[in-house]
Amino acid sequence: MFNKDTPKHETCVPCVGRVSTRHGRLKSALRHAILVGCGRCFTLNTERRLSNQGLAKIGSGALPIGTLLLSSRAPIGYLAIAQVSLAINQGYIAMPPGGLLPPLYMLFWCRQNMENIKGRANGSTFMEISKKAFRPIPALVPPPEVVQAFAEVASAWFDRLIENEQQAQTLATLRNTLLPRLISGQLRLPEAQAAAKEALA
């Protein structure tokens, strides 16, 4: 979804916030259900897009694929590994790849230590954990060979989850496209079967 001030001809990136160029503020846009729907621990896309103009107003910039997102308020604790480059607003803590511990390891670490994370939150209107409060939380760093062995095993399962979800989305789109045409008689069954086979090839 474009902000009304966003030029539509610009290249746009997924975002989990919307920039209001008129007011110069960030507005929360990501629905937490995207992160937790059906127990998923990844996000394949977002509901909104940002132009380069909007991206320039986001402090995080465009985060790389593989970044772990942790919702830091309202409520705290939703987790997802981004499968697209995206931008976030102040309601999320981002843990990009490239550190001592890979995001997939940190995903399970956050789940295991969620009560500790939430215990460091504060707020009068709603509880929030700031980046300043999150960063000092100690984490056990295993030897590199242990981290690598974990990443190899866990990544294989994680990649399979993503592949299954992408296939499910393809099938859902195909169903929504073909079913009305089949019911109305505009499309015959052999043609529908051929379209489905092509989509899954």
C-alpha atoms as a PDB file:
ATOM      1  CA  MET A   1       0.000   0.000   0.000  1.00  0.00           C
ATOM      2  CA  PHE A   2       1.384   3.383  -0.982  1.00  0.00           C
ATOM      3  CA  ASN A   3       1.244   6.484   1.152  1.00  0.00           C
ATOM      4  CA  LYS A   4      -0.649   9.123  -0.807  1.00  0.00           C
ATOM      5  CA  ASP A   5       2.544  11.202  -0.992  1.00  0.00           C
ATOM      6  CA  THR A   6       4.592   8.297  -2.315  1.00  0.00           C
ATOM      7  CA  PRO A   7       5.414   8.457  -6.040  1.00  0.00           C
ATOM      8  CA  LYS A   8       4.206   5.203  -7.563  1.00  0.00           C
ATOM      9  CA  HIS A   9       6.919   5.025 -10.209  1.00  0.00           C
ATOM     10  CA  GLU A  10       9.693   4.547  -7.675  1.00  0.00           C
ATOM     11  CA  THR A  11      11.127   1.168  -6.768  1.00  0.00           C
ATOM     12  CA  CYS A  12       9.474   0.153  -3.507  1.00  0.00           C
ATOM     13  CA  VAL A  13      10.600  -2.132  -0.699  1.00  0.00           C
ATOM     14  CA  PRO A  14       8.483  -4.093   1.798  1.00  0.00           C
ATOM     15  CA  CYS A  15       8.084  -2.444   5.172  1.00  0.00           C
ATOM     16  CA  VAL A  16       6.586  -3.076   8.576  1.00  0.00           C
ATOM     17  CA  GLY A  17       5.775   0.574   9.083  1.00  0.00           C
ATOM     18  CA  ARG A  18       4.381   3.431   7.055  1.00  0.00           C
ATOM     19  CA  VAL A  19       6.013   6.815   6.671  1.00  0.00           C
ATOM     20  CA  SER A  20       3.710   9.803   6.712  1.00  0.00           C
ATOM     21  CA  THR A  21       5.652  12.363   4.706  1.00  0.00           C
ATOM     22  CA  ARG A  22       3.127  15.027   5.593  1.00  0.00           C
ATOM     23  CA  HIS A  23       3.565  14.637   9.354  1.00  0.00           C
ATOM     24  CA  GLY A  24       7.099  13.242   9.383  1.00  0.00           C
ATOM     25  CA  ARG A  25       6.129  10.376  11.701  1.00  0.00           C
ATOM     26  CA  LEU A  26       6.238   6.591  11.550  1.00  0.00           C
ATOM     27  CA  LYS A  27       2.952   4.796  11.904  1.00  0.00           C
ATOM     28  CA  SER A  28       2.757   1.156  12.938  1.00  0.00           C
ATOM     29  CA  ALA A  29       1.456  -0.924  10.068  1.00  0.00           C
ATOM     30  CA  LEU A  30       2.480  -4.534  10.492  1.00  0.00           C
ATOM     31  CA  ARG A  31      -0.229  -6.810  11.795  1.00  0.00           C
ATOM     32  CA  HIS A  32       1.323  -9.123  14.394  1.00  0.00           C
ATOM     33  CA  ALA A  33      -0.821 -11.918  12.963  1.00  0.00           C
ATOM     34  CA  ILE A  34       1.595 -11.993  10.025  1.00  0.00           C
ATOM     35  CA  LEU A  35       4.341 -13.070  12.399  1.00  0.00           C
ATOM     36  CA  VAL A  36       2.392 -15.586  14.426  1.00  0.00           C
ATOM     37  CA  GLY A  37      -0.235 -16.833  11.995  1.00  0.00           C
ATOM     38  CA  CYS A  38      -0.322 -20.626  11.979  1.00  0.00           C
ATOM     39  CA  GLY A  39       2.802 -20.734  14.155  1.00  0.00           C
ATOM     40  CA  ARG A  40       5.059 -19.477  11.366  1.00  0.00           C
ATOM     41  CA  CYS A  41       8.513 -18.199  12.302  1.00  0.00           C
ATOM     42  CA  PHE A  42       9.169 -16.342   9.055  1.00  0.00           C
ATOM     43  CA  THR A  43       7.587 -13.640   6.944  1.00  0.00           C
ATOM     44  CA  LEU A  44       7.533 -13.889   3.163  1.00  0.00           C
ATOM     45  CA  ASN A  45       6.117 -10.442   2.543  1.00  0.00           C
ATOM     46  CA  THR A  46       4.525  -7.416   4.180  1.00  0.00           C
ATOM     47  CA  GLU A  47       1.253  -5.570   3.716  1.00  0.00           C
ATOM     48  CA  ARG A  48       2.861  -2.242   2.867  1.00  0.00           C
ATOM     49  CA  ARG A  49       5.608  -0.855   0.645  1.00  0.00           C
ATOM     50  CA  LEU A  50       7.963   2.092   0.923  1.00  0.00           C
ATOM     51  CA  SER A  51       9.444   4.224  -1.830  1.00  0.00           C
ATOM     52  CA  ASN A  52      13.066   5.331  -1.685  1.00  0.00           C
ATOM     53  CA  GLN A  53      11.763   8.641  -0.343  1.00  0.00           C
ATOM     54  CA  GLY A  54       9.983   6.842   2.491  1.00  0.00           C
ATOM     55  CA  LEU A  55      12.931   4.527   3.136  1.00  0.00           C
ATOM     56  CA  ALA A  56      15.173   7.549   3.699  1.00  0.00           C
ATOM     57  CA  LYS A  57      13.023   8.429   6.736  1.00  0.00           C
ATOM     58  CA  ILE A  58      13.466   4.998   8.357  1.00  0.00           C
ATOM     59  CA  GLY A  59      16.381   4.765  10.780  1.00  0.00           C
ATOM     60  CA  SER A  60      16.947   1.053  10.162  1.00  0.00           C
ATOM     61  CA  GLY A  61      17.205   1.443   6.405  1.00  0.00           C
ATOM     62  CA  ALA A  62      16.524  -1.662   4.321  1.00  0.00           C
ATOM     63  CA  LEU A  63      17.374  -4.732   6.396  1.00  0.00           C
ATOM     64  CA  PRO A  64      18.792  -7.804   4.624  1.00  0.00           C
ATOM     65  CA  ILE A  65      17.064 -11.110   4.032  1.00  0.00           C
ATOM     66  CA  GLY A  66      17.545 -13.361   7.041  1.00  0.00           C
ATOM     67  CA  THR A  67      17.057 -10.614   9.645  1.00  0.00           C
ATOM     68  CA  LEU A  68      15.330 -11.809  12.812  1.00  0.00           C
ATOM     69  CA  LEU A  69      12.489  -9.512  13.927  1.00  0.00           C
ATOM     70  CA  LEU A  70      11.301  -9.322  17.530  1.00  0.00           C
ATOM     71  CA  SER A  71       8.210  -7.277  18.360  1.00  0.00           C
ATOM     72  CA  SER A  72       9.229  -5.020  21.234  1.00  0.00           C
ATOM     73  CA  ARG A  73       5.779  -3.836  22.320  1.00  0.00           C
ATOM     74  CA  ALA A  74       2.032  -4.385  22.168  1.00  0.00           C
ATOM     75  CA  PRO A  75       2.750  -7.246  22.741  1.00  0.00           C
ATOM     76  CA  ILE A  76       6.367  -8.226  23.196  1.00  0.00           C
ATOM     77  CA  GLY A  77       7.667 -11.490  21.798  1.00  0.00           C
ATOM     78  CA  TYR A  78       6.434 -12.148  18.264  1.00  0.00           C
ATOM     79  CA  LEU A  79       9.337 -13.499  16.212  1.00  0.00           C
ATOM     80  CA  ALA A  80       9.971 -13.940  12.502  1.00  0.00           C
ATOM     81  CA  ILE A  81      12.912 -14.268  10.147  1.00  0.00           C
ATOM     82  CA  ALA A  82      12.434 -12.010   7.127  1.00  0.00           C
ATOM     83  CA  GLN A  83      12.596 -13.679   3.741  1.00  0.00           C
ATOM     84  CA  VAL A  84      12.572 -10.330   1.931  1.00  0.00           C
ATOM     85  CA  SER A  85      14.642  -7.208   2.440  1.00  0.00           C
ATOM     86  CA  LEU A  86      12.470  -4.843   4.479  1.00  0.00           C
ATOM     87  CA  ALA A  87      12.325  -1.803   6.727  1.00  0.00           C
ATOM     88  CA  ILE A  88      10.913  -1.670  10.251  1.00  0.00           C
ATOM     89  CA  ASN A  89       9.483   0.934  12.578  1.00  0.00           C
ATOM     90  CA  GLN A  90      10.262   1.492  16.241  1.00  0.00           C
ATOM     91  CA  GLY A  91       8.021  -1.359  17.385  1.00  0.00           C
ATOM     92  CA  TYR A  92      10.592  -4.003  16.426  1.00  0.00           C
ATOM     93  CA  ILE A  93      14.099  -5.062  17.336  1.00  0.00           C
ATOM     94  CA  ALA A  94      16.086  -6.324  14.352  1.00  0.00           C
ATOM     95  CA  MET A  95      18.906  -8.875  14.539  1.00  0.00           C
ATOM     96  CA  PRO A  96      20.515  -9.027  11.078  1.00  0.00           C
ATOM     97  CA  PRO A  97      22.700 -11.910   9.904  1.00  0.00           C
ATOM     98  CA  GLY A  98      26.472 -11.701  10.084  1.00  0.00           C
ATOM     99  CA  GLY A  99      27.001 -11.708  13.860  1.00  0.00           C
ATOM    100  CA  LEU A 100      28.533 -14.338  16.144  1.00  0.00           C
ATOM    101  CA  LEU A 101      25.172 -16.115  16.390  1.00  0.00           C
ATOM    102  CA  PRO A 102      23.025 -16.608  13.288  1.00  0.00           C
ATOM    103  CA  PRO A 103      19.408 -15.344  13.310  1.00  0.00           C
ATOM    104  CA  LEU A 104      18.020 -18.883  13.328  1.00  0.00           C
ATOM    105  CA  TYR A 105      19.966 -19.627  16.516  1.00  0.00           C
ATOM    106  CA  MET A 106      18.776 -16.338  17.997  1.00  0.00           C
ATOM    107  CA  LEU A 107      15.182 -17.222  17.130  1.00  0.00           C
ATOM    108  CA  PHE A 108      15.318 -20.243  19.412  1.00  0.00           C
ATOM    109  CA  TRP A 109      17.371 -18.342  21.993  1.00  0.00           C
ATOM    110  CA  CYS A 110      14.688 -15.636  22.154  1.00  0.00           C
ATOM    111  CA  ARG A 111      11.948 -18.236  22.542  1.00  0.00           C
ATOM    112  CA  GLN A 112      13.849 -19.926  25.353  1.00  0.00           C
ATOM    113  CA  ASN A 113      14.594 -16.628  27.105  1.00  0.00           C
ATOM    114  CA  MET A 114      11.327 -14.803  26.438  1.00  0.00           C
ATOM    115  CA  GLU A 115      10.403 -14.435  30.109  1.00  0.00           C
ATOM    116  CA  ASN A 116      13.788 -12.811  30.768  1.00  0.00           C
ATOM    117  CA  ILE A 117      13.240 -10.486  27.792  1.00  0.00           C
ATOM    118  CA  LYS A 118       9.762  -9.504  28.944  1.00  0.00           C
ATOM    119  CA  GLY A 119      11.053  -9.022  32.495  1.00  0.00           C
ATOM    120  CA  ARG A 120      13.257  -6.165  31.284  1.00  0.00           C
ATOM    121  CA  ALA A 121      10.343  -4.282  29.718  1.00  0.00           C
ATOM    122  CA  ASN A 122       8.642  -1.280  31.230  1.00  0.00           C
ATOM    123  CA  GLY A 123       5.933   1.226  30.373  1.00  0.00           C
ATOM    124  CA  SER A 124       2.801   2.837  31.737  1.00  0.00           C
ATOM    125  CA  THR A 125       0.451   2.596  28.741  1.00  0.00           C
ATOM    126  CA  PHE A 126       1.843  -0.715  27.447  1.00  0.00           C
ATOM    127  CA  MET A 127       4.927  -2.769  28.177  1.00  0.00           C
ATOM    128  CA  GLU A 128       7.886  -2.236  25.861  1.00  0.00           C
ATOM    129  CA  ILE A 129      11.467  -3.443  25.805  1.00  0.00           C
ATOM    130  CA  SER A 130      13.882  -0.927  24.346  1.00  0.00           C
ATOM    131  CA  LYS A 131      16.982  -1.813  22.359  1.00  0.00           C
ATOM    132  CA  LYS A 132      19.008  -0.351  25.234  1.00  0.00           C
ATOM    133  CA  ALA A 133      17.406  -2.829  27.648  1.00  0.00           C
ATOM    134  CA  PHE A 134      17.604  -5.744  25.206  1.00  0.00           C
ATOM    135  CA  ARG A 135      21.273  -5.539  24.213  1.00  0.00           C
ATOM    136  CA  PRO A 136      22.815  -6.262  27.654  1.00  0.00           C
ATOM    137  CA  ILE A 137      20.932  -9.563  28.071  1.00  0.00           C
ATOM    138  CA  PRO A 138      23.693 -12.201  28.317  1.00  0.00           C
ATOM    139  CA  ALA A 139      23.697 -15.075  25.850  1.00  0.00           C
ATOM    140  CA  LEU A 140      25.798 -18.224  25.866  1.00  0.00           C
ATOM    141  CA  VAL A 141      27.967 -18.349  22.741  1.00  0.00           C
ATOM    142  CA  PRO A 142      28.801 -21.973  21.821  1.00  0.00           C
ATOM    143  CA  PRO A 143      32.027 -22.889  20.004  1.00  0.00           C
ATOM    144  CA  PRO A 144      31.905 -21.999  16.277  1.00  0.00           C
ATOM    145  CA  GLU A 145      31.754 -25.655  15.221  1.00  0.00           C
ATOM    146  CA  VAL A 146      28.663 -26.202  17.404  1.00  0.00           C
ATOM    147  CA  VAL A 147      26.948 -23.119  15.955  1.00  0.00           C
ATOM    148  CA  GLN A 148      27.803 -24.308  12.432  1.00  0.00           C
ATOM    149  CA  ALA A 149      26.452 -27.814  13.104  1.00  0.00           C
ATOM    150  CA  PHE A 150      23.231 -26.348  14.512  1.00  0.00           C
ATOM    151  CA  ALA A 151      22.854 -23.983  11.553  1.00  0.00           C
ATOM    152  CA  GLU A 152      23.291 -26.798   9.028  1.00  0.00           C
ATOM    153  CA  VAL A 153      20.597 -28.965  10.615  1.00  0.00           C
ATOM    154  CA  ALA A 154      18.156 -26.180  11.500  1.00  0.00           C
ATOM    155  CA  SER A 155      18.544 -24.354   8.170  1.00  0.00           C
ATOM    156  CA  ALA A 156      17.550 -27.459   6.225  1.00  0.00           C
ATOM    157  CA  TRP A 157      14.283 -27.729   8.175  1.00  0.00           C
ATOM    158  CA  PHE A 158      13.675 -23.988   8.017  1.00  0.00           C
ATOM    159  CA  ASP A 159      14.196 -23.911   4.237  1.00  0.00           C
ATOM    160  CA  ARG A 160      11.695 -26.745   3.889  1.00  0.00           C
ATOM    161  CA  LEU A 161       9.113 -24.814   5.931  1.00  0.00           C
ATOM    162  CA  ILE A 162       9.550 -21.804   3.652  1.00  0.00           C
ATOM    163  CA  GLU A 163       9.284 -23.929   0.514  1.00  0.00           C
ATOM    164  CA  ASN A 164       6.069 -25.545   1.790  1.00  0.00           C
ATOM    165  CA  GLU A 165       4.563 -22.148   2.624  1.00  0.00           C
ATOM    166  CA  GLN A 166       5.455 -20.725  -0.795  1.00  0.00           C
ATOM    167  CA  GLN A 167       3.847 -23.738  -2.469  1.00  0.00           C
ATOM    168  CA  ALA A 168       0.735 -23.358  -0.285  1.00  0.00           C
ATOM    169  CA  GLN A 169       0.445 -19.694  -1.296  1.00  0.00           C
ATOM    170  CA  THR A 170       0.820 -20.621  -4.967  1.00  0.00           C
ATOM    171  CA  LEU A 171      -1.913 -23.253  -4.659  1.00  0.00           C
ATOM    172  CA  ALA A 172      -4.229 -20.846  -2.818  1.00  0.00           C
ATOM    173  CA  THR A 173      -3.795 -18.213  -5.530  1.00  0.00           C
ATOM    174  CA  LEU A 174      -4.397 -20.826  -8.220  1.00  0.00           C
ATOM    175  CA  ARG A 175      -7.538 -22.068  -6.453  1.00  0.00           C
ATOM    176  CA  ASN A 176      -8.929 -18.548  -6.130  1.00  0.00           C
ATOM    177  CA  THR A 177      -8.244 -17.894  -9.809  1.00  0.00           C
ATOM    178  CA  LEU A 178      -9.482 -21.162 -11.329  1.00  0.00           C
ATOM    179  CA  LEU A 179     -12.413 -22.168  -9.127  1.00  0.00           C
ATOM    180  CA  PRO A 180     -14.800 -19.357 -10.189  1.00  0.00           C
ATOM    181  CA  ARG A 181     -14.015 -20.068 -13.841  1.00  0.00           C
ATOM    182  CA  LEU A 182     -14.627 -23.798 -13.358  1.00  0.00           C
ATOM    183  CA  ILE A 183     -17.960 -23.197 -11.629  1.00  0.00           C
ATOM    184  CA  SER A 184     -19.104 -20.755 -14.317  1.00  0.00           C
ATOM    185  CA  GLY A 185     -18.077 -23.115 -17.122  1.00  0.00           C
ATOM    186  CA  GLN A 186     -15.499 -20.722 -18.573  1.00  0.00           C
ATOM    187  CA  LEU A 187     -12.792 -23.295 -17.931  1.00  0.00           C
ATOM    188  CA  ARG A 188     -12.829 -27.068 -18.415  1.00  0.00           C
ATOM    189  CA  LEU A 189     -11.265 -29.492 -15.938  1.00  0.00           C
ATOM    190  CA  PRO A 190      -8.377 -30.637 -18.212  1.00  0.00           C
ATOM    191  CA  GLU A 191      -7.382 -26.979 -18.699  1.00  0.00           C
ATOM    192  CA  ALA A 192      -7.460 -26.377 -14.944  1.00  0.00           C
ATOM    193  CA  GLN A 193      -5.339 -29.472 -14.317  1.00  0.00           C
ATOM    194  CA  ALA A 194      -2.803 -28.280 -16.901  1.00  0.00           C
ATOM    195  CA  ALA A 195      -2.639 -24.836 -15.261  1.00  0.00           C
ATOM    196  CA  ALA A 196      -2.092 -26.400 -11.836  1.00  0.00           C
ATOM    197  CA  LYS A 197       0.653 -28.676 -13.157  1.00  0.00           C
ATOM    198  CA  GLU A 198       2.409 -25.703 -14.789  1.00  0.00           C
ATOM    199  CA  ALA A 199       2.193 -23.612 -11.618  1.00  0.00           C
ATOM    200  CA  LEU A 200       3.783 -26.389  -9.509  1.00  0.00           C
ATOM    201  CA  ALA A 201       6.489 -27.257 -12.048  1.00  0.00           C
END
